[in-house]
Amino acid sequence: MYRSMAGLVLVLTICGVPVDAQEGPPPPQQPGAVSLDQTPIDQLLATARQLLGARKLAEAQATLDAVLRRDQASIQARLMSAELAIARSDWHTARDHYKAVIDVEGHNFQANAGMGQFYIHSRYWRPATRFLEVAERFAPADRKAQAQTLLAIAFRGEGSMAKAAEYAERAVQSDPLSQEARQTLIEVRSMNREFDKALAEAAALVKLATDNARATPADPAVLRGLLDAYALQGRVFDAYGGTLFQRDARGERIDQVTPGREQQAASLMRQAVELLLAQEKVQRTLTYHDILSIARRAVQFAPDDPEGLLMMGRLLRQTEQIDLAIEAFRRVLEKDPGNAAAKRYLQELNAPPSDSSPQPAPATP
């Protein structure tokens, strides 16, 4: 087992597994291919969206530049260029694209929300709220919670905690399933020392994230969302715990419970233990996902190796990808019909050694 994630990242890199999307120069134009400047703009925009989704940033940039050379006022190209700039942590370029959109279409939701995010990132809270109030006013129904969450963050930054709580509550009402909205509300409640409400909201957030993880257990991004929920719940526990312990002359917390608060302290500690155990379980599953990337590469290099297939199957099972695990174990038996481990794993999964279904017996006259 790896001693640190740094070691795992090194192995992933050596094995050619992309830890994060790596960008490079766009590929050279193929002979006979239609140049970007000759491609219809609608087609270029659709291609750019696909490239952004695939995190092929250099190719997306070249495609969007081709659009803007022909139409500098293209709203879609500007918004996607801003999105690309943020992916590169180039917030000032993103701001320039958002501003260009607002100059043409002052009430554009994405551009105003983007400008708000820029100023939040820059910690200029007042201009952030100005743009975000416009974004909220013109937000489509499915983006209303996003604008309200950002407004709550901006008001929290400038110290307007009542406004921050108001918009955080609105965001949760607009989208009760939004983890970001609920997380912001919890942070505001905790900062306002409304610990009963913060603890209740934190428990609701963990339940929401847990339900998401159960629905899609094979998605590492969903598991990371659950880890984030646990981490926030832990911060609320810590903040609330500060009210249960005594403080010294300098105002620093000491390891002595305030008389009469022993039961609350014991209950909080039990919950903290359960939280840490749950975090460890999710983190272990995420580690299996990382190792699975290496195992899959090994199978690509040696697709007929039963040991590699068996290892991949075990990791697929550990990451709740049961159908793929069964397929891998069956492939082991195709290469090594006597493999006892593959047979045992299939038996444990209540799966037959072959996916061929028995044919029904012919009806007797």
Protein backbone atom coordinates (compact mmCIF):
# COMPACT_ATOMS: atom_id res chain seq x y z
CA MET A 1 0.00 0.00 0.00
CA TYR A 2 1.26 3.46 -0.78
CA ARG A 3 2.51 5.56 2.10
CA SER A 4 1.32 8.84 0.66
CA MET A 5 -0.83 10.20 -2.11
CA ALA A 6 2.29 11.90 -3.46
CA GLY A 7 3.76 8.48 -4.12
CA LEU A 8 0.55 7.39 -5.81
CA VAL A 9 0.55 10.47 -8.05
CA LEU A 10 4.12 9.64 -9.07
CA VAL A 11 3.11 6.09 -10.01
CA LEU A 12 0.09 7.36 -11.92
CA THR A 13 2.32 9.72 -13.87
CA ILE A 14 4.86 7.02 -14.67
CA CYS A 15 2.06 4.73 -15.85
CA GLY A 16 0.74 7.40 -18.16
CA VAL A 17 -2.53 7.89 -16.27
CA PRO A 18 -3.70 11.53 -16.40
CA VAL A 19 -3.98 12.68 -12.78
CA ASP A 20 -5.43 15.97 -14.03
CA ALA A 21 -6.10 16.95 -17.58
CA GLN A 22 -2.83 17.90 -19.19
CA GLU A 23 -2.89 20.49 -21.92
CA GLY A 24 -0.40 21.05 -24.65
CA PRO A 25 -0.22 22.67 -28.06
CA PRO A 26 -3.07 21.85 -30.44
CA PRO A 27 -2.31 19.01 -32.85
CA PRO A 28 -0.98 20.02 -36.28
CA GLN A 29 -3.48 20.49 -39.06
CA GLN A 30 -3.87 17.26 -41.03
CA PRO A 31 -3.29 17.43 -44.81
CA GLY A 32 -6.57 17.98 -46.60
CA ALA A 33 -8.42 18.96 -43.41
CA VAL A 34 -10.69 22.00 -43.47
CA SER A 35 -9.05 24.90 -41.61
CA LEU A 36 -10.75 26.41 -38.59
CA ASP A 37 -11.23 29.68 -40.44
CA GLN A 38 -13.26 27.85 -43.10
CA THR A 39 -15.45 25.91 -40.67
CA PRO A 40 -18.97 27.28 -39.95
CA ILE A 41 -19.13 29.18 -36.67
CA ASP A 42 -21.97 27.04 -35.24
CA GLN A 43 -19.86 23.95 -35.83
CA LEU A 44 -16.82 25.57 -34.20
CA LEU A 45 -18.86 26.49 -31.12
CA ALA A 46 -20.18 22.94 -30.78
CA THR A 47 -16.65 21.57 -31.16
CA ALA A 48 -15.30 24.02 -28.57
CA ARG A 49 -17.94 22.90 -26.07
CA GLN A 50 -16.96 19.25 -26.58
CA LEU A 51 -13.26 20.08 -26.21
CA LEU A 52 -13.91 22.01 -23.00
CA GLY A 53 -15.88 19.09 -21.62
CA ALA A 54 -12.96 16.81 -22.42
CA ARG A 55 -10.50 19.31 -20.83
CA LYS A 56 -8.60 19.67 -24.09
CA LEU A 57 -7.89 23.29 -23.32
CA ALA A 58 -5.34 24.12 -26.00
CA GLU A 59 -7.54 22.78 -28.79
CA ALA A 60 -10.58 24.53 -27.33
CA GLN A 61 -8.62 27.79 -27.22
CA ALA A 62 -7.61 27.51 -30.88
CA THR A 63 -11.21 26.79 -31.84
CA LEU A 64 -12.63 29.74 -29.89
CA ASP A 65 -9.93 32.07 -31.22
CA ALA A 66 -11.04 31.11 -34.74
CA VAL A 67 -14.61 32.14 -33.86
CA LEU A 68 -13.56 35.45 -32.31
CA ARG A 69 -11.40 36.34 -35.29
CA ARG A 70 -14.57 36.31 -37.36
CA ASP A 71 -17.06 37.54 -34.76
CA GLN A 72 -15.62 39.40 -31.77
CA ALA A 73 -19.10 39.96 -30.37
CA SER A 74 -19.98 36.23 -30.23
CA ILE A 75 -21.62 35.78 -26.82
CA GLN A 76 -21.12 32.01 -26.78
CA ALA A 77 -17.45 32.26 -27.75
CA ARG A 78 -16.80 34.91 -25.11
CA LEU A 79 -18.52 32.91 -22.36
CA MET A 80 -16.68 29.71 -23.26
CA SER A 81 -13.39 31.63 -23.47
CA ALA A 82 -14.03 32.93 -19.95
CA GLU A 83 -14.77 29.40 -18.76
CA LEU A 84 -11.54 28.21 -20.34
CA ALA A 85 -9.56 31.04 -18.74
CA ILE A 86 -10.91 30.11 -15.28
CA ALA A 87 -9.90 26.49 -15.91
CA ARG A 88 -6.38 27.88 -16.36
CA SER A 89 -6.74 30.09 -13.25
CA ASP A 90 -6.47 33.16 -15.50
CA TRP A 91 -9.15 35.22 -13.81
CA HIS A 92 -8.21 38.54 -15.43
CA THR A 93 -8.69 37.15 -18.94
CA ALA A 94 -12.01 35.68 -17.81
CA ARG A 95 -13.05 39.10 -16.51
CA ASP A 96 -12.24 40.70 -19.88
CA HIS A 97 -14.45 38.20 -21.71
CA TYR A 98 -17.32 38.63 -19.23
CA LYS A 99 -17.06 42.41 -19.52
CA ALA A 100 -17.20 42.18 -23.32
CA VAL A 101 -20.44 40.19 -23.03
CA ILE A 102 -21.98 42.69 -20.58
CA ASP A 103 -21.09 45.55 -22.94
CA VAL A 104 -23.29 43.85 -25.55
CA GLU A 105 -25.90 42.20 -23.31
CA GLY A 106 -26.00 43.89 -19.92
CA HIS A 107 -28.40 41.44 -18.30
CA ASN A 108 -26.63 38.26 -19.36
CA PHE A 109 -26.81 35.88 -16.41
CA GLN A 110 -23.56 33.99 -17.03
CA ALA A 111 -21.51 37.12 -17.55
CA ASN A 112 -22.83 38.86 -14.43
CA ALA A 113 -22.40 35.69 -12.36
CA GLY A 114 -18.88 35.36 -13.77
CA MET A 115 -18.00 38.94 -12.86
CA GLY A 116 -19.32 38.27 -9.37
CA GLN A 117 -17.10 35.20 -9.10
CA PHE A 118 -14.13 37.22 -10.31
CA TYR A 119 -14.61 39.82 -7.59
CA ILE A 120 -15.21 37.14 -4.95
CA HIS A 121 -11.93 35.53 -6.04
CA SER A 122 -10.26 38.96 -5.78
CA ARG A 123 -11.96 39.59 -2.40
CA TYR A 124 -13.67 42.77 -3.64
CA TRP A 125 -17.01 42.06 -2.04
CA ARG A 126 -19.01 45.19 -2.90
CA PRO A 127 -18.62 44.99 -6.70
CA ALA A 128 -19.25 41.25 -6.42
CA THR A 129 -22.66 41.83 -4.87
CA ARG A 130 -23.53 44.43 -7.51
CA PHE A 131 -23.00 42.00 -10.40
CA LEU A 132 -24.52 39.05 -8.54
CA GLU A 133 -27.72 40.94 -7.76
CA VAL A 134 -28.15 41.42 -11.53
CA ALA A 135 -27.35 37.74 -12.07
CA GLU A 136 -29.98 36.66 -9.55
CA ARG A 137 -32.61 38.93 -11.08
CA PHE A 138 -32.12 37.46 -14.55
CA ALA A 139 -31.15 33.90 -13.60
CA PRO A 140 -33.09 31.05 -15.21
CA ALA A 141 -34.95 28.93 -12.69
CA ASP A 142 -32.31 26.18 -12.63
CA ARG A 143 -29.51 28.69 -11.93
CA LYS A 144 -31.24 30.81 -9.30
CA ALA A 145 -29.68 28.88 -6.41
CA GLN A 146 -26.22 29.39 -7.89
CA ALA A 147 -26.61 33.18 -7.94
CA GLN A 148 -28.08 33.22 -4.43
CA THR A 149 -25.26 31.05 -3.10
CA LEU A 150 -22.67 33.40 -4.59
CA LEU A 151 -24.51 36.39 -3.11
CA ALA A 152 -24.42 34.75 0.31
CA ILE A 153 -20.67 34.23 -0.04
CA ALA A 154 -20.13 37.86 -1.11
CA PHE A 155 -22.24 39.29 1.74
CA ARG A 156 -20.44 37.01 4.19
CA GLY A 157 -17.12 38.35 2.88
CA GLU A 158 -18.10 41.95 3.49
CA GLY A 159 -19.42 41.08 6.95
CA SER A 160 -23.14 41.49 6.24
CA MET A 161 -24.06 38.27 8.03
CA ALA A 162 -27.83 38.85 8.11
CA LYS A 163 -27.84 39.29 4.31
CA ALA A 164 -25.56 36.28 3.94
CA ALA A 165 -27.98 34.12 5.94
CA GLU A 166 -30.95 35.45 3.96
CA TYR A 167 -29.47 34.56 0.58
CA ALA A 168 -28.11 31.22 1.79
CA GLU A 169 -31.61 30.30 2.97
CA ARG A 170 -33.05 31.40 -0.38
CA ALA A 171 -30.52 29.26 -2.22
CA VAL A 172 -31.48 26.14 -0.26
CA GLN A 173 -35.17 26.88 -0.88
CA SER A 174 -34.50 27.34 -4.61
CA ASP A 175 -32.61 24.05 -4.84
CA PRO A 176 -32.85 21.77 -1.79
CA LEU A 177 -30.54 19.28 -3.52
CA SER A 178 -27.68 21.75 -4.01
CA GLN A 179 -24.72 20.77 -1.83
CA GLU A 180 -23.06 24.15 -2.49
CA ALA A 181 -26.09 26.09 -1.27
CA ARG A 182 -26.47 24.00 1.87
CA GLN A 183 -22.73 24.17 2.56
CA THR A 184 -22.80 27.97 2.39
CA LEU A 185 -25.80 28.11 4.73
CA ILE A 186 -23.99 25.87 7.24
CA GLU A 187 -20.90 28.08 7.17
CA VAL A 188 -22.99 31.21 7.73
CA ARG A 189 -24.95 29.56 10.58
CA SER A 190 -21.70 28.51 12.24
CA MET A 191 -20.15 31.97 11.89
CA ASN A 192 -23.32 33.42 13.44
CA ARG A 193 -22.90 30.90 16.29
CA GLU A 194 -26.27 29.35 15.51
CA PHE A 195 -24.86 25.94 16.30
CA ASP A 196 -28.13 24.03 16.67
CA LYS A 197 -29.18 25.11 13.18
CA ALA A 198 -25.67 24.55 11.80
CA LEU A 199 -25.52 21.02 13.21
CA ALA A 200 -28.95 20.17 11.80
CA GLU A 201 -28.03 21.55 8.37
CA ALA A 202 -24.70 19.70 8.45
CA ALA A 203 -26.49 16.43 9.15
CA ALA A 204 -28.88 17.17 6.25
CA LEU A 205 -25.90 17.90 3.97
CA VAL A 206 -24.19 14.62 4.89
CA LYS A 207 -27.44 12.73 4.23
CA LEU A 208 -27.79 14.42 0.83
CA ALA A 209 -24.17 13.63 -0.09
CA THR A 210 -24.55 10.05 1.20
CA ASP A 211 -27.69 9.53 -0.89
CA ASN A 212 -25.82 10.83 -3.96
CA ALA A 213 -22.93 8.45 -3.25
CA ARG A 214 -25.28 5.50 -2.90
CA ALA A 215 -27.01 6.38 -6.17
CA THR A 216 -23.70 6.64 -8.08
CA PRO A 217 -21.10 4.77 -6.00
CA ALA A 218 -18.69 4.44 -8.92
CA ASP A 219 -18.29 8.21 -9.44
CA PRO A 220 -15.17 9.58 -7.68
CA ALA A 221 -16.47 13.16 -7.96
CA VAL A 222 -19.56 12.23 -5.95
CA LEU A 223 -17.37 10.56 -3.32
CA ARG A 224 -15.27 13.71 -3.08
CA GLY A 225 -18.49 15.65 -2.52
CA LEU A 226 -19.27 13.33 0.37
CA LEU A 227 -15.79 13.90 1.80
CA ASP A 228 -16.35 17.67 1.55
CA ALA A 229 -19.64 17.28 3.45
CA TYR A 230 -17.90 15.29 6.18
CA ALA A 231 -15.14 17.89 6.42
CA LEU A 232 -17.67 20.71 6.83
CA GLN A 233 -19.55 18.75 9.48
CA GLY A 234 -16.24 18.30 11.28
CA ARG A 235 -15.62 22.05 11.24
CA VAL A 236 -19.06 22.63 12.76
CA PHE A 237 -18.30 20.04 15.45
CA ASP A 238 -15.06 21.85 16.22
CA ALA A 239 -16.71 25.27 16.39
CA TYR A 240 -19.52 23.96 18.61
CA GLY A 241 -16.99 22.11 20.76
CA GLY A 242 -15.37 25.44 21.49
CA THR A 243 -18.47 26.43 23.45
CA LEU A 244 -18.32 23.31 25.64
CA PHE A 245 -14.77 23.67 26.98
CA GLN A 246 -13.28 26.13 29.39
CA ARG A 247 -10.80 28.82 28.38
CA ASP A 248 -7.65 30.09 30.05
CA ALA A 249 -6.74 33.68 30.90
CA ARG A 250 -5.68 34.30 27.29
CA GLY A 251 -9.03 33.10 26.00
CA GLU A 252 -7.63 29.89 24.53
CA ARG A 253 -9.54 26.65 24.86
CA ILE A 254 -8.22 24.14 27.37
CA ASP A 255 -8.95 20.42 27.75
CA GLN A 256 -11.48 20.84 30.53
CA VAL A 257 -15.21 20.68 29.93
CA THR A 258 -17.34 23.49 31.31
CA PRO A 259 -19.19 22.11 34.37
CA GLY A 260 -22.65 20.89 33.40
CA ARG A 261 -21.72 20.38 29.72
CA GLU A 262 -20.22 16.90 30.09
CA GLN A 263 -23.08 15.06 28.37
CA GLN A 264 -23.02 17.40 25.37
CA ALA A 265 -19.23 17.01 25.11
CA ALA A 266 -19.43 13.20 25.27
CA SER A 267 -22.18 13.12 22.61
CA LEU A 268 -20.17 15.41 20.34
CA MET A 269 -17.07 13.25 20.70
CA ARG A 270 -19.01 10.10 19.82
CA GLN A 271 -20.33 11.80 16.69
CA ALA A 272 -16.81 12.96 15.84
CA VAL A 273 -15.52 9.37 16.07
CA GLU A 274 -18.30 8.14 13.76
CA LEU A 275 -17.48 10.96 11.36
CA LEU A 276 -13.77 10.11 11.26
CA LEU A 277 -14.50 6.43 10.60
CA ALA A 278 -16.88 7.34 7.76
CA GLN A 279 -14.29 9.70 6.27
CA GLU A 280 -11.66 6.98 6.38
CA LYS A 281 -13.94 4.56 4.53
CA VAL A 282 -14.69 7.02 1.73
CA GLN A 283 -11.02 8.01 1.44
CA ARG A 284 -10.08 4.35 1.12
CA THR A 285 -12.59 3.91 -1.71
CA LEU A 286 -11.15 6.94 -3.50
CA THR A 287 -7.70 5.41 -3.18
CA TYR A 288 -9.04 2.24 -4.81
CA HIS A 289 -10.27 4.38 -7.71
CA ASP A 290 -6.77 5.80 -8.18
CA ILE A 291 -5.18 2.34 -8.07
CA LEU A 292 -7.82 1.04 -10.47
CA SER A 293 -6.52 3.49 -13.07
CA ILE A 294 -3.16 1.73 -12.94
CA ALA A 295 -4.75 -1.73 -13.08
CA ARG A 296 -6.74 -0.77 -16.17
CA ARG A 297 -3.56 0.40 -17.88
CA ALA A 298 -1.92 -2.91 -17.06
CA VAL A 299 -4.82 -4.76 -18.73
CA GLN A 300 -4.52 -2.52 -21.77
CA PHE A 301 -0.88 -3.55 -22.13
CA ALA A 302 -1.54 -7.25 -21.45
CA PRO A 303 -5.24 -7.98 -22.12
CA ASP A 304 -4.78 -11.77 -21.93
CA ASP A 305 -3.06 -11.83 -18.52
CA PRO A 306 -5.39 -13.52 -15.99
CA GLU A 307 -3.61 -11.98 -13.00
CA GLY A 308 -4.05 -8.47 -14.36
CA LEU A 309 -7.71 -9.11 -15.11
CA LEU A 310 -8.24 -10.58 -11.65
CA MET A 311 -6.64 -7.57 -9.98
CA MET A 312 -8.75 -5.18 -12.05
CA GLY A 313 -11.89 -7.15 -11.15
CA ARG A 314 -11.13 -6.95 -7.43
CA LEU A 315 -10.67 -3.18 -7.64
CA LEU A 316 -13.85 -2.77 -9.69
CA ARG A 317 -15.67 -4.65 -6.96
CA GLN A 318 -14.11 -2.46 -4.26
CA THR A 319 -15.36 0.63 -6.11
CA GLU A 320 -18.91 -0.76 -6.43
CA GLN A 321 -18.67 -1.31 -10.19
CA ILE A 322 -20.17 -4.76 -9.85
CA ASP A 323 -21.22 -5.44 -13.46
CA LEU A 324 -17.74 -4.55 -14.71
CA ALA A 325 -16.17 -6.66 -11.96
CA ILE A 326 -18.24 -9.68 -13.02
CA GLU A 327 -17.18 -9.14 -16.61
CA ALA A 328 -13.52 -9.01 -15.57
CA PHE A 329 -13.78 -12.24 -13.52
CA ARG A 330 -15.45 -14.00 -16.44
CA ARG A 331 -12.62 -12.88 -18.71
CA VAL A 332 -10.20 -14.43 -16.21
CA LEU A 333 -11.98 -17.77 -16.59
CA GLU A 334 -11.87 -17.48 -20.37
CA LYS A 335 -8.06 -17.28 -20.14
CA ASP A 336 -7.67 -19.57 -17.12
CA PRO A 337 -10.73 -21.85 -16.69
CA GLY A 338 -9.43 -23.31 -13.44
CA ASN A 339 -8.80 -20.00 -11.66
CA ALA A 340 -10.21 -20.62 -8.17
CA ALA A 341 -10.17 -16.95 -7.10
CA ALA A 342 -12.26 -15.80 -10.06
CA LYS A 343 -14.76 -18.60 -9.42
CA ARG A 344 -14.99 -17.63 -5.75
CA TYR A 345 -15.52 -13.94 -6.52
CA LEU A 346 -18.28 -14.75 -9.02
CA GLN A 347 -19.94 -17.01 -6.48
CA GLU A 348 -19.80 -14.26 -3.86
CA LEU A 349 -21.45 -11.92 -6.38
CA ASN A 350 -24.11 -14.53 -7.21
CA ALA A 351 -23.00 -14.49 -10.84
CA PRO A 352 -22.57 -17.58 -13.04
CA PRO A 353 -19.13 -18.20 -14.59
CA SER A 354 -20.54 -17.37 -18.04
CA ASP A 355 -22.99 -14.69 -19.13
CA SER A 356 -24.77 -17.14 -21.42
CA SER A 357 -28.29 -17.68 -20.14
CA PRO A 358 -29.63 -21.25 -20.16
CA GLN A 359 -32.08 -21.90 -22.96
CA PRO A 360 -35.58 -22.89 -21.87
CA ALA A 361 -36.49 -26.52 -22.42
CA PRO A 362 -38.69 -27.08 -25.45
CA ALA A 363 -42.37 -27.43 -24.66
CA THR A 364 -43.70 -30.95 -24.76
CA PRO A 365 -46.75 -31.54 -26.88
